[in-house]
PDB file of all heavy atoms in Angstrom:
ATOM      1  N   ARG A   1       0.833  -1.189  -0.009  1.00  0.00           N
ATOM      2  CA  ARG A   1       0.007  -0.012   0.021  1.00  0.00           C
ATOM      3  C   ARG A   1       0.858   1.268   0.003  1.00  0.00           C
ATOM      4  O   ARG A   1       0.440   2.298  -0.507  1.00  0.00           O
ATOM      5  CB  ARG A   1      -0.935  -0.001   1.192  1.00  0.00           C
ATOM      6  CG  ARG A   1      -0.264  -0.161   2.536  1.00  0.00           C
ATOM      7  CD  ARG A   1      -1.325  -0.319   3.618  1.00  0.00           C
ATOM      8  NE  ARG A   1      -1.966   0.960   3.933  1.00  0.00           N
ATOM      9  CZ  ARG A   1      -3.070   1.061   4.697  1.00  0.00           C
ATOM     10  NH1 ARG A   1      -3.649   0.021   5.168  1.00  0.00           N
ATOM     11  NH2 ARG A   1      -3.541   2.247   4.989  1.00  0.00           N
ATOM     12  N   THR A   2       2.074   1.187   0.522  1.00  0.00           N
ATOM     13  CA  THR A   2       2.939   2.343   0.556  1.00  0.00           C
ATOM     14  C   THR A   2       3.817   2.476  -0.642  1.00  0.00           C
ATOM     15  O   THR A   2       4.573   3.410  -0.863  1.00  0.00           O
ATOM     16  CB  THR A   2       3.818   2.305   1.787  1.00  0.00           C
ATOM     17  OG1 THR A   2       4.697   1.188   1.670  1.00  0.00           O
ATOM     18  CG2 THR A   2       3.030   2.249   3.049  1.00  0.00           C
ATOM     19  N   ALA A   3       3.762   1.450  -1.573  1.00  0.00           N
ATOM     20  CA  ALA A   3       4.586   1.323  -2.760  1.00  0.00           C
ATOM     21  C   ALA A   3       6.053   1.167  -2.404  1.00  0.00           C
ATOM     22  O   ALA A   3       6.909   1.160  -3.277  1.00  0.00           O
ATOM     23  CB  ALA A   3       4.389   2.525  -3.686  1.00  0.00           C
ATOM     24  N   GLY A   4       6.367   1.002  -1.137  1.00  0.00           N
ATOM     25  CA  GLY A   4       7.746   0.824  -0.744  1.00  0.00           C
ATOM     26  C   GLY A   4       8.199  -0.584  -0.889  1.00  0.00           C
ATOM     27  O   GLY A   4       9.408  -0.880  -0.787  1.00  0.00           O
ATOM     28  N   ASN A   5       7.324  -1.498  -1.153  1.00  0.00           N
ATOM     29  CA  ASN A   5       7.676  -2.870  -1.205  1.00  0.00           C
ATOM     30  C   ASN A   5       6.994  -3.539  -2.368  1.00  0.00           C
ATOM     31  O   ASN A   5       5.760  -3.439  -2.542  1.00  0.00           O
ATOM     32  CB  ASN A   5       7.263  -3.590   0.094  1.00  0.00           C
ATOM     33  CG  ASN A   5       7.643  -5.053   0.145  1.00  0.00           C
ATOM     34  OD1 ASN A   5       6.871  -5.962  -0.256  1.00  0.00           O
ATOM     35  ND2 ASN A   5       8.862  -5.315   0.543  1.00  0.00           N
ATOM     36  N   THR A   6       7.764  -4.252  -3.224  1.00  0.00           N
ATOM     37  CA  THR A   6       7.190  -5.038  -4.277  1.00  0.00           C
ATOM     38  C   THR A   6       7.744  -6.515  -4.142  1.00  0.00           C
ATOM     39  O   THR A   6       8.821  -6.747  -3.517  1.00  0.00           O
ATOM     40  CB  THR A   6       7.628  -4.540  -5.697  1.00  0.00           C
ATOM     41  OG1 THR A   6       9.034  -4.403  -5.737  1.00  0.00           O
ATOM     42  CG2 THR A   6       6.910  -3.230  -6.012  1.00  0.00           C
ATOM     43  N   TYR A   7       6.957  -7.406  -4.668  1.00  0.00           N
ATOM     44  CA  TYR A   7       7.302  -8.837  -4.470  1.00  0.00           C
ATOM     45  C   TYR A   7       6.911  -9.537  -5.758  1.00  0.00           C
ATOM     46  O   TYR A   7       5.832  -9.296  -6.273  1.00  0.00           O
ATOM     47  CB  TYR A   7       6.578  -9.386  -3.272  1.00  0.00           C
ATOM     48  CG  TYR A   7       6.986 -10.817  -2.907  1.00  0.00           C
ATOM     49  CD1 TYR A   7       8.215 -11.124  -2.341  1.00  0.00           C
ATOM     50  CD2 TYR A   7       6.138 -11.901  -3.191  1.00  0.00           C
ATOM     51  CE1 TYR A   7       8.607 -12.394  -2.073  1.00  0.00           C
ATOM     52  CE2 TYR A   7       6.466 -13.168  -2.850  1.00  0.00           C
ATOM     53  CZ  TYR A   7       7.699 -13.424  -2.307  1.00  0.00           C
ATOM     54  OH  TYR A   7       8.081 -14.704  -1.968  1.00  0.00           O
ATOM     55  N   TYR A   8       7.801 -10.411  -6.296  1.00  0.00           N
ATOM     56  CA  TYR A   8       7.501 -11.015  -7.604  1.00  0.00           C
ATOM     57  C   TYR A   8       7.670 -12.553  -7.513  1.00  0.00           C
ATOM     58  O   TYR A   8       8.523 -13.054  -6.717  1.00  0.00           O
ATOM     59  CB  TYR A   8       8.466 -10.474  -8.642  1.00  0.00           C
ATOM     60  CG  TYR A   8       8.345  -8.996  -8.852  1.00  0.00           C
ATOM     61  CD1 TYR A   8       9.151  -8.106  -8.188  1.00  0.00           C
ATOM     62  CD2 TYR A   8       7.387  -8.513  -9.768  1.00  0.00           C
ATOM     63  CE1 TYR A   8       9.048  -6.731  -8.397  1.00  0.00           C
ATOM     64  CE2 TYR A   8       7.296  -7.139  -9.987  1.00  0.00           C
ATOM     65  CZ  TYR A   8       8.113  -6.234  -9.335  1.00  0.00           C
ATOM     66  OH  TYR A   8       7.991  -4.899  -9.510  1.00  0.00           O
ATOM     67  N   ALA A   9       6.957 -13.203  -8.398  1.00  0.00           N
ATOM     68  CA  ALA A   9       7.192 -14.630  -8.564  1.00  0.00           C
ATOM     69  C   ALA A   9       8.570 -14.809  -9.219  1.00  0.00           C
ATOM     70  O   ALA A   9       9.019 -13.962 -10.025  1.00  0.00           O
ATOM     71  CB  ALA A   9       6.103 -15.229  -9.448  1.00  0.00           C
ATOM     72  N   GLU A  10       9.240 -15.910  -8.925  1.00  0.00           N
ATOM     73  CA  GLU A  10      10.524 -16.156  -9.476  1.00  0.00           C
ATOM     74  C   GLU A  10      10.535 -16.177 -10.998  1.00  0.00           C
ATOM     75  O   GLU A  10      11.467 -15.754 -11.630  1.00  0.00           O
ATOM     76  CB  GLU A  10      11.103 -17.450  -8.920  1.00  0.00           C
ATOM     77  CG  GLU A  10      11.576 -17.398  -7.487  1.00  0.00           C
ATOM     78  CD  GLU A  10      12.735 -16.448  -7.256  1.00  0.00           C
ATOM     79  OE1 GLU A  10      13.607 -16.373  -8.174  1.00  0.00           O
ATOM     80  OE2 GLU A  10      12.795 -15.752  -6.261  1.00  0.00           O
ATOM     81  N   SER A  11       9.468 -16.621 -11.538  1.00  0.00           N
ATOM     82  CA  SER A  11       9.385 -16.800 -13.046  1.00  0.00           C
ATOM     83  C   SER A  11       9.366 -15.464 -13.762  1.00  0.00           C
ATOM     84  O   SER A  11       9.648 -15.477 -14.965  1.00  0.00           O
ATOM     85  CB  SER A  11       8.105 -17.601 -13.391  1.00  0.00           C
ATOM     86  OG  SER A  11       6.977 -16.945 -12.902  1.00  0.00           O
ATOM     87  N   VAL A  12       9.037 -14.379 -13.076  1.00  0.00           N
ATOM     88  CA  VAL A  12       8.963 -13.077 -13.758  1.00  0.00           C
ATOM     89  C   VAL A  12       9.981 -12.100 -13.191  1.00  0.00           C
ATOM     90  O   VAL A  12      10.094 -10.978 -13.765  1.00  0.00           O
ATOM     91  CB  VAL A  12       7.522 -12.499 -13.672  1.00  0.00           C
ATOM     92  CG1 VAL A  12       6.535 -13.436 -14.158  1.00  0.00           C
ATOM     93  CG2 VAL A  12       7.249 -12.013 -12.243  1.00  0.00           C
ATOM     94  N   LYS A  13      10.692 -12.428 -12.167  1.00  0.00           N
ATOM     95  CA  LYS A  13      11.629 -11.522 -11.533  1.00  0.00           C
ATOM     96  C   LYS A  13      12.665 -11.057 -12.559  1.00  0.00           C
ATOM     97  O   LYS A  13      13.297 -11.885 -13.291  1.00  0.00           O
ATOM     98  CB  LYS A  13      12.273 -12.178 -10.324  1.00  0.00           C
ATOM     99  CG  LYS A  13      12.895 -11.227  -9.364  1.00  0.00           C
ATOM    100  CD  LYS A  13      13.398 -12.002  -8.128  1.00  0.00           C
ATOM    101  CE  LYS A  13      12.232 -12.505  -7.301  1.00  0.00           C
ATOM    102  NZ  LYS A  13      12.688 -13.165  -6.026  1.00  0.00           N
ATOM    103  N   GLY A  14      12.894  -9.761 -12.612  1.00  0.00           N
ATOM    104  CA  GLY A  14      13.853  -9.213 -13.572  1.00  0.00           C
ATOM    105  C   GLY A  14      13.280  -8.826 -14.909  1.00  0.00           C
ATOM    106  O   GLY A  14      13.873  -8.134 -15.679  1.00  0.00           O
ATOM    107  N   ARG A  15      12.067  -9.281 -15.142  1.00  0.00           N
ATOM    108  CA  ARG A  15      11.396  -9.034 -16.434  1.00  0.00           C
ATOM    109  C   ARG A  15      10.148  -8.153 -16.239  1.00  0.00           C
ATOM    110  O   ARG A  15       9.840  -7.355 -17.108  1.00  0.00           O
ATOM    111  CB  ARG A  15      10.968 -10.357 -17.149  1.00  0.00           C
ATOM    112  CG  ARG A  15      12.139 -11.259 -17.453  1.00  0.00           C
ATOM    113  CD  ARG A  15      11.690 -12.423 -18.319  1.00  0.00           C
ATOM    114  NE  ARG A  15      10.711 -13.303 -17.665  1.00  0.00           N
ATOM    115  CZ  ARG A  15       9.490 -13.585 -18.131  1.00  0.00           C
ATOM    116  NH1 ARG A  15       9.061 -13.061 -19.257  1.00  0.00           N
ATOM    117  NH2 ARG A  15       8.647 -14.345 -17.474  1.00  0.00           N
ATOM    118  N   PHE A  16       9.447  -8.363 -15.151  1.00  0.00           N
ATOM    119  CA  PHE A  16       8.218  -7.618 -14.906  1.00  0.00           C
ATOM    120  C   PHE A  16       8.433  -6.588 -13.765  1.00  0.00           C
ATOM    121  O   PHE A  16       9.219  -6.869 -12.815  1.00  0.00           O
ATOM    122  CB  PHE A  16       7.084  -8.588 -14.437  1.00  0.00           C
ATOM    123  CG  PHE A  16       6.572  -9.507 -15.537  1.00  0.00           C
ATOM    124  CD1 PHE A  16       7.225  -9.664 -16.761  1.00  0.00           C
ATOM    125  CD2 PHE A  16       5.413 -10.239 -15.302  1.00  0.00           C
ATOM    126  CE1 PHE A  16       6.717 -10.503 -17.722  1.00  0.00           C
ATOM    127  CE2 PHE A  16       4.936 -11.106 -16.261  1.00  0.00           C
ATOM    128  CZ  PHE A  16       5.588 -11.208 -17.490  1.00  0.00           C
ATOM    129  N   THR A  17       7.723  -5.487 -13.902  1.00  0.00           N
ATOM    130  CA  THR A  17       7.860  -4.417 -12.824  1.00  0.00           C
ATOM    131  C   THR A  17       6.447  -3.895 -12.584  1.00  0.00           C
ATOM    132  O   THR A  17       5.665  -3.658 -13.473  1.00  0.00           O
ATOM    133  CB  THR A  17       8.717  -3.254 -13.344  1.00  0.00           C
ATOM    134  OG1 THR A  17      10.020  -3.789 -13.667  1.00  0.00           O
ATOM    135  CG2 THR A  17       8.871  -2.227 -12.217  1.00  0.00           C
ATOM    136  N   ILE A  18       6.142  -3.777 -11.289  1.00  0.00           N
ATOM    137  CA  ILE A  18       4.852  -3.222 -10.817  1.00  0.00           C
ATOM    138  C   ILE A  18       5.093  -1.841 -10.276  1.00  0.00           C
ATOM    139  O   ILE A  18       6.061  -1.595  -9.486  1.00  0.00           O
ATOM    140  CB  ILE A  18       4.224  -4.111  -9.738  1.00  0.00           C
ATOM    141  CG1 ILE A  18       3.846  -5.492 -10.344  1.00  0.00           C
ATOM    142  CG2 ILE A  18       2.996  -3.495  -9.166  1.00  0.00           C
ATOM    143  CD1 ILE A  18       3.337  -6.481  -9.309  1.00  0.00           C
ATOM    144  N   ALA A  19       4.198  -0.940 -10.591  1.00  0.00           N
ATOM    145  CA  ALA A  19       4.231   0.420 -10.056  1.00  0.00           C
ATOM    146  C   ALA A  19       2.781   0.884  -9.850  1.00  0.00           C
ATOM    147  O   ALA A  19       1.837   0.316 -10.482  1.00  0.00           O
ATOM    148  CB  ALA A  19       4.937   1.355 -11.050  1.00  0.00           C
ATOM    149  N   ARG A  20       2.629   1.858  -8.971  1.00  0.00           N
ATOM    150  CA  ARG A  20       1.301   2.349  -8.686  1.00  0.00           C
ATOM    151  C   ARG A  20       1.326   3.873  -8.783  1.00  0.00           C
ATOM    152  O   ARG A  20       2.334   4.523  -8.428  1.00  0.00           O
ATOM    153  CB  ARG A  20       0.760   1.853  -7.350  1.00  0.00           C
ATOM    154  CG  ARG A  20       1.504   2.333  -6.167  1.00  0.00           C
ATOM    155  CD  ARG A  20       1.044   1.632  -4.872  1.00  0.00           C
ATOM    156  NE  ARG A  20      -0.332   1.951  -4.604  1.00  0.00           N
ATOM    157  CZ  ARG A  20      -1.120   1.291  -3.790  1.00  0.00           C
ATOM    158  NH1 ARG A  20      -0.624   0.190  -3.168  1.00  0.00           N
ATOM    159  NH2 ARG A  20      -2.364   1.645  -3.533  1.00  0.00           N
ATOM    160  N   ASP A  21       0.189   4.453  -9.169  1.00  0.00           N
ATOM    161  CA  ASP A  21       0.048   5.922  -9.184  1.00  0.00           C
ATOM    162  C   ASP A  21      -1.214   6.167  -8.387  1.00  0.00           C
ATOM    163  O   ASP A  21      -2.310   6.038  -8.821  1.00  0.00           O
ATOM    164  CB  ASP A  21      -0.120   6.394 -10.642  1.00  0.00           C
ATOM    165  CG  ASP A  21      -0.141   7.901 -10.721  1.00  0.00           C
ATOM    166  OD1 ASP A  21      -0.530   8.552  -9.722  1.00  0.00           O
ATOM    167  OD2 ASP A  21       0.124   8.426 -11.776  1.00  0.00           O
ATOM    168  N   ASN A  22      -1.008   6.577  -7.130  1.00  0.00           N
ATOM    169  CA  ASN A  22      -2.175   6.798  -6.235  1.00  0.00           C
ATOM    170  C   ASN A  22      -3.013   7.972  -6.675  1.00  0.00           C
ATOM    171  O   ASN A  22      -4.212   7.976  -6.366  1.00  0.00           O
ATOM    172  CB  ASN A  22      -1.662   6.969  -4.797  1.00  0.00           C
ATOM    173  CG  ASN A  22      -1.157   5.649  -4.164  1.00  0.00           C
ATOM    174  OD1 ASN A  22      -1.426   4.548  -4.700  1.00  0.00           O
ATOM    175  ND2 ASN A  22      -0.409   5.778  -3.111  1.00  0.00           N
ATOM    176  N   ALA A  23      -2.412   8.938  -7.366  1.00  0.00           N
ATOM    177  CA  ALA A  23      -3.185  10.086  -7.797  1.00  0.00           C
ATOM    178  C   ALA A  23      -4.194   9.672  -8.914  1.00  0.00           C
ATOM    179  O   ALA A  23      -5.210  10.330  -9.128  1.00  0.00           O
ATOM    180  CB  ALA A  23      -2.262  11.145  -8.362  1.00  0.00           C
ATOM    181  N   LYS A  24      -3.867   8.569  -9.642  1.00  0.00           N
ATOM    182  CA  LYS A  24      -4.687   8.104 -10.749  1.00  0.00           C
ATOM    183  C   LYS A  24      -5.508   6.853 -10.347  1.00  0.00           C
ATOM    184  O   LYS A  24      -6.156   6.252 -11.184  1.00  0.00           O
ATOM    185  CB  LYS A  24      -3.883   7.865 -11.963  1.00  0.00           C
ATOM    186  CG  LYS A  24      -3.244   9.083 -12.537  1.00  0.00           C
ATOM    187  CD  LYS A  24      -2.504   8.803 -13.814  1.00  0.00           C
ATOM    188  CE  LYS A  24      -1.887  10.038 -14.492  1.00  0.00           C
ATOM    189  NZ  LYS A  24      -1.147   9.766 -15.689  1.00  0.00           N
ATOM    190  N   ASN A  25      -5.323   6.397  -9.121  1.00  0.00           N
ATOM    191  CA  ASN A  25      -5.964   5.134  -8.671  1.00  0.00           C
ATOM    192  C   ASN A  25      -5.637   4.005  -9.634  1.00  0.00           C
ATOM    193  O   ASN A  25      -6.570   3.193  -9.968  1.00  0.00           O
ATOM    194  CB  ASN A  25      -7.489   5.316  -8.568  1.00  0.00           C
ATOM    195  CG  ASN A  25      -7.907   5.970  -7.266  1.00  0.00           C
ATOM    196  OD1 ASN A  25      -7.116   6.621  -6.604  1.00  0.00           O
ATOM    197  ND2 ASN A  25      -9.148   5.840  -6.924  1.00  0.00           N
ATOM    198  N   THR A  26      -4.399   3.893 -10.041  1.00  0.00           N
ATOM    199  CA  THR A  26      -4.076   2.921 -11.074  1.00  0.00           C
ATOM    200  C   THR A  26      -2.762   2.170 -10.633  1.00  0.00           C
ATOM    201  O   THR A  26      -1.844   2.771 -10.107  1.00  0.00           O
ATOM    202  CB  THR A  26      -3.824   3.582 -12.425  1.00  0.00           C
ATOM    203  OG1 THR A  26      -5.038   4.218 -12.761  1.00  0.00           O
ATOM    204  CG2 THR A  26      -3.466   2.598 -13.502  1.00  0.00           C
ATOM    205  N   VAL A  27      -2.735   0.878 -10.983  1.00  0.00           N
ATOM    206  CA  VAL A  27      -1.517   0.075 -10.811  1.00  0.00           C
ATOM    207  C   VAL A  27      -1.125  -0.468 -12.136  1.00  0.00           C
ATOM    208  O   VAL A  27      -2.018  -0.738 -12.980  1.00  0.00           O
ATOM    209  CB  VAL A  27      -1.719  -1.042  -9.758  1.00  0.00           C
ATOM    210  CG1 VAL A  27      -2.820  -2.007 -10.200  1.00  0.00           C
ATOM    211  CG2 VAL A  27      -0.423  -1.775  -9.483  1.00  0.00           C
ATOM    212  N   TYR A  28       0.130  -0.571 -12.385  1.00  0.00           N
ATOM    213  CA  TYR A  28       0.643  -1.009 -13.705  1.00  0.00           C
ATOM    214  C   TYR A  28       1.500  -2.242 -13.541  1.00  0.00           C
ATOM    215  O   TYR A  28       2.172  -2.476 -12.520  1.00  0.00           O
ATOM    216  CB  TYR A  28       1.551   0.093 -14.332  1.00  0.00           C
ATOM    217  CG  TYR A  28       0.804   1.435 -14.416  1.00  0.00           C
ATOM    218  CD1 TYR A  28       1.031   2.450 -13.449  1.00  0.00           C
ATOM    219  CD2 TYR A  28      -0.001   1.697 -15.510  1.00  0.00           C
ATOM    220  CE1 TYR A  28       0.339   3.667 -13.585  1.00  0.00           C
ATOM    221  CE2 TYR A  28      -0.649   2.926 -15.631  1.00  0.00           C
ATOM    222  CZ  TYR A  28      -0.452   3.860 -14.638  1.00  0.00           C
ATOM    223  OH  TYR A  28      -1.094   5.084 -14.796  1.00  0.00           O
ATOM    224  N   LEU A  29       1.533  -3.016 -14.586  1.00  0.00           N
ATOM    225  CA  LEU A  29       2.402  -4.162 -14.705  1.00  0.00           C
ATOM    226  C   LEU A  29       3.144  -4.049 -16.031  1.00  0.00           C
ATOM    227  O   LEU A  29       2.576  -4.324 -17.111  1.00  0.00           O
ATOM    228  CB  LEU A  29       1.616  -5.494 -14.659  1.00  0.00           C
ATOM    229  CG  LEU A  29       2.472  -6.795 -14.779  1.00  0.00           C
ATOM    230  CD1 LEU A  29       3.451  -6.905 -13.591  1.00  0.00           C
ATOM    231  CD2 LEU A  29       1.582  -8.000 -14.913  1.00  0.00           C
ATOM    232  N   GLN A  30       4.402  -3.685 -15.963  1.00  0.00           N
ATOM    233  CA  GLN A  30       5.268  -3.599 -17.139  1.00  0.00           C
ATOM    234  C   GLN A  30       5.902  -4.953 -17.375  1.00  0.00           C
ATOM    235  O   GLN A  30       6.598  -5.464 -16.485  1.00  0.00           O
ATOM    236  CB  GLN A  30       6.349  -2.543 -16.985  1.00  0.00           C
ATOM    237  CG  GLN A  30       7.309  -2.418 -18.129  1.00  0.00           C
ATOM    238  CD  GLN A  30       6.629  -1.918 -19.391  1.00  0.00           C
ATOM    239  OE1 GLN A  30       5.867  -0.943 -19.364  1.00  0.00           O
ATOM    240  NE2 GLN A  30       6.924  -2.523 -20.534  1.00  0.00           N
ATOM    241  N   MET A  31       5.685  -5.552 -18.524  1.00  0.00           N
ATOM    242  CA  MET A  31       6.171  -6.843 -18.831  1.00  0.00           C
ATOM    243  C   MET A  31       7.100  -6.792 -20.012  1.00  0.00           C
ATOM    244  O   MET A  31       6.725  -6.372 -21.108  1.00  0.00           O
ATOM    245  CB  MET A  31       4.968  -7.795 -19.164  1.00  0.00           C
ATOM    246  CG  MET A  31       3.914  -7.866 -18.096  1.00  0.00           C
ATOM    247  SD  MET A  31       2.615  -9.060 -18.414  1.00  0.00           S
ATOM    248  CE  MET A  31       1.856  -8.344 -19.896  1.00  0.00           C
ATOM    249  N   ASN A  32       8.374  -7.110 -19.758  1.00  0.00           N
ATOM    250  CA  ASN A  32       9.415  -7.109 -20.767  1.00  0.00           C
ATOM    251  C   ASN A  32       9.897  -8.560 -21.076  1.00  0.00           C
ATOM    252  O   ASN A  32       9.718  -9.433 -20.191  1.00  0.00           O
ATOM    253  CB  ASN A  32      10.563  -6.194 -20.345  1.00  0.00           C
ATOM    254  CG  ASN A  32      10.150  -4.757 -20.166  1.00  0.00           C
ATOM    255  OD1 ASN A  32       9.229  -4.316 -20.834  1.00  0.00           O
ATOM    256  ND2 ASN A  32      10.780  -4.119 -19.196  1.00  0.00           N
ATOM    257  N   SER A  33      10.597  -8.687 -22.146  1.00  0.00           N
ATOM    258  CA  SER A  33      11.150 -10.007 -22.497  1.00  0.00           C
ATOM    259  C   SER A  33      10.123 -11.137 -22.336  1.00  0.00           C
ATOM    260  O   SER A  33      10.431 -12.157 -21.747  1.00  0.00           O
ATOM    261  CB  SER A  33      12.352 -10.286 -21.610  1.00  0.00           C
ATOM    262  OG  SER A  33      13.359  -9.307 -21.743  1.00  0.00           O
ATOM    263  N   LEU A  34       8.996 -10.922 -22.940  1.00  0.00           N
ATOM    264  CA  LEU A  34       7.925 -11.865 -22.764  1.00  0.00           C
ATOM    265  C   LEU A  34       8.228 -13.170 -23.409  1.00  0.00           C
ATOM    266  O   LEU A  34       8.871 -13.256 -24.428  1.00  0.00           O
ATOM    267  CB  LEU A  34       6.589 -11.253 -23.341  1.00  0.00           C
ATOM    268  CG  LEU A  34       5.925 -10.218 -22.455  1.00  0.00           C
ATOM    269  CD1 LEU A  34       4.959  -9.381 -23.236  1.00  0.00           C
ATOM    270  CD2 LEU A  34       5.222 -10.973 -21.253  1.00  0.00           C
ATOM    271  N   LYS A  35       7.683 -14.183 -22.744  1.00  0.00           N
ATOM    272  CA  LYS A  35       7.911 -15.609 -23.256  1.00  0.00           C
ATOM    273  C   LYS A  35       6.551 -16.232 -23.506  1.00  0.00           C
ATOM    274  O   LYS A  35       5.515 -15.770 -22.945  1.00  0.00           O
ATOM    275  CB  LYS A  35       8.634 -16.412 -22.161  1.00  0.00           C
ATOM    276  CG  LYS A  35       9.946 -15.771 -21.723  1.00  0.00           C
ATOM    277  CD  LYS A  35      10.571 -16.642 -20.520  1.00  0.00           C
ATOM    278  CE  LYS A  35      11.822 -16.054 -20.052  1.00  0.00           C
ATOM    279  NZ  LYS A  35      12.389 -16.821 -18.937  1.00  0.00           N
ATOM    280  N   ALA A  36       6.519 -17.299 -24.250  1.00  0.00           N
ATOM    281  CA  ALA A  36       5.282 -18.017 -24.555  1.00  0.00           C
ATOM    282  C   ALA A  36       4.599 -18.450 -23.289  1.00  0.00           C
ATOM    283  O   ALA A  36       3.376 -18.418 -23.221  1.00  0.00           O
ATOM    284  CB  ALA A  36       5.571 -19.157 -25.491  1.00  0.00           C
ATOM    285  N   GLU A  37       5.359 -18.816 -22.267  1.00  0.00           N
ATOM    286  CA  GLU A  37       4.759 -19.308 -21.093  1.00  0.00           C
ATOM    287  C   GLU A  37       4.171 -18.195 -20.229  1.00  0.00           C
ATOM    288  O   GLU A  37       3.570 -18.498 -19.179  1.00  0.00           O
ATOM    289  CB  GLU A  37       5.793 -20.093 -20.216  1.00  0.00           C
ATOM    290  CG  GLU A  37       7.096 -19.356 -20.002  1.00  0.00           C
ATOM    291  CD  GLU A  37       8.138 -19.805 -21.032  1.00  0.00           C
ATOM    292  OE1 GLU A  37       7.826 -19.946 -22.244  1.00  0.00           O
ATOM    293  OE2 GLU A  37       9.306 -19.984 -20.623  1.00  0.00           O
ATOM    294  N   ASP A  38       4.286 -16.939 -20.605  1.00  0.00           N
ATOM    295  CA  ASP A  38       3.612 -15.817 -19.959  1.00  0.00           C
ATOM    296  C   ASP A  38       2.145 -15.697 -20.460  1.00  0.00           C
ATOM    297  O   ASP A  38       1.440 -14.864 -19.917  1.00  0.00           O
ATOM    298  CB  ASP A  38       4.354 -14.537 -20.175  1.00  0.00           C
ATOM    299  CG  ASP A  38       5.728 -14.526 -19.529  1.00  0.00           C
ATOM    300  OD1 ASP A  38       5.869 -15.001 -18.383  1.00  0.00           O
ATOM    301  OD2 ASP A  38       6.674 -14.017 -20.223  1.00  0.00           O
ATOM    302  N   THR A  39       1.812 -16.454 -21.439  1.00  0.00           N
ATOM    303  CA  THR A  39       0.459 -16.352 -21.966  1.00  0.00           C
ATOM    304  C   THR A  39      -0.584 -16.734 -20.900  1.00  0.00           C
ATOM    305  O   THR A  39      -0.432 -17.703 -20.134  1.00  0.00           O
ATOM    306  CB  THR A  39       0.312 -17.307 -23.185  1.00  0.00           C
ATOM    307  OG1 THR A  39       1.078 -16.786 -24.257  1.00  0.00           O
ATOM    308  CG2 THR A  39      -1.166 -17.400 -23.673  1.00  0.00           C
ATOM    309  N   GLY A  40      -1.670 -15.958 -20.859  1.00  0.00           N
ATOM    310  CA  GLY A  40      -2.741 -16.260 -19.930  1.00  0.00           C
ATOM    311  C   GLY A  40      -3.633 -15.026 -19.739  1.00  0.00           C
ATOM    312  O   GLY A  40      -3.421 -13.964 -20.367  1.00  0.00           O
TER     313      GLY A  40
END
């Protein structure tokens, strides 16, 4: 809730990044180096 802490599954660590913008009531998931197994 404070955005001071993020936690990732091992399978996406280093490729995915989560950020939040409290002014916009929005959370983002930036996904890079996508793999076929990321489908879903």
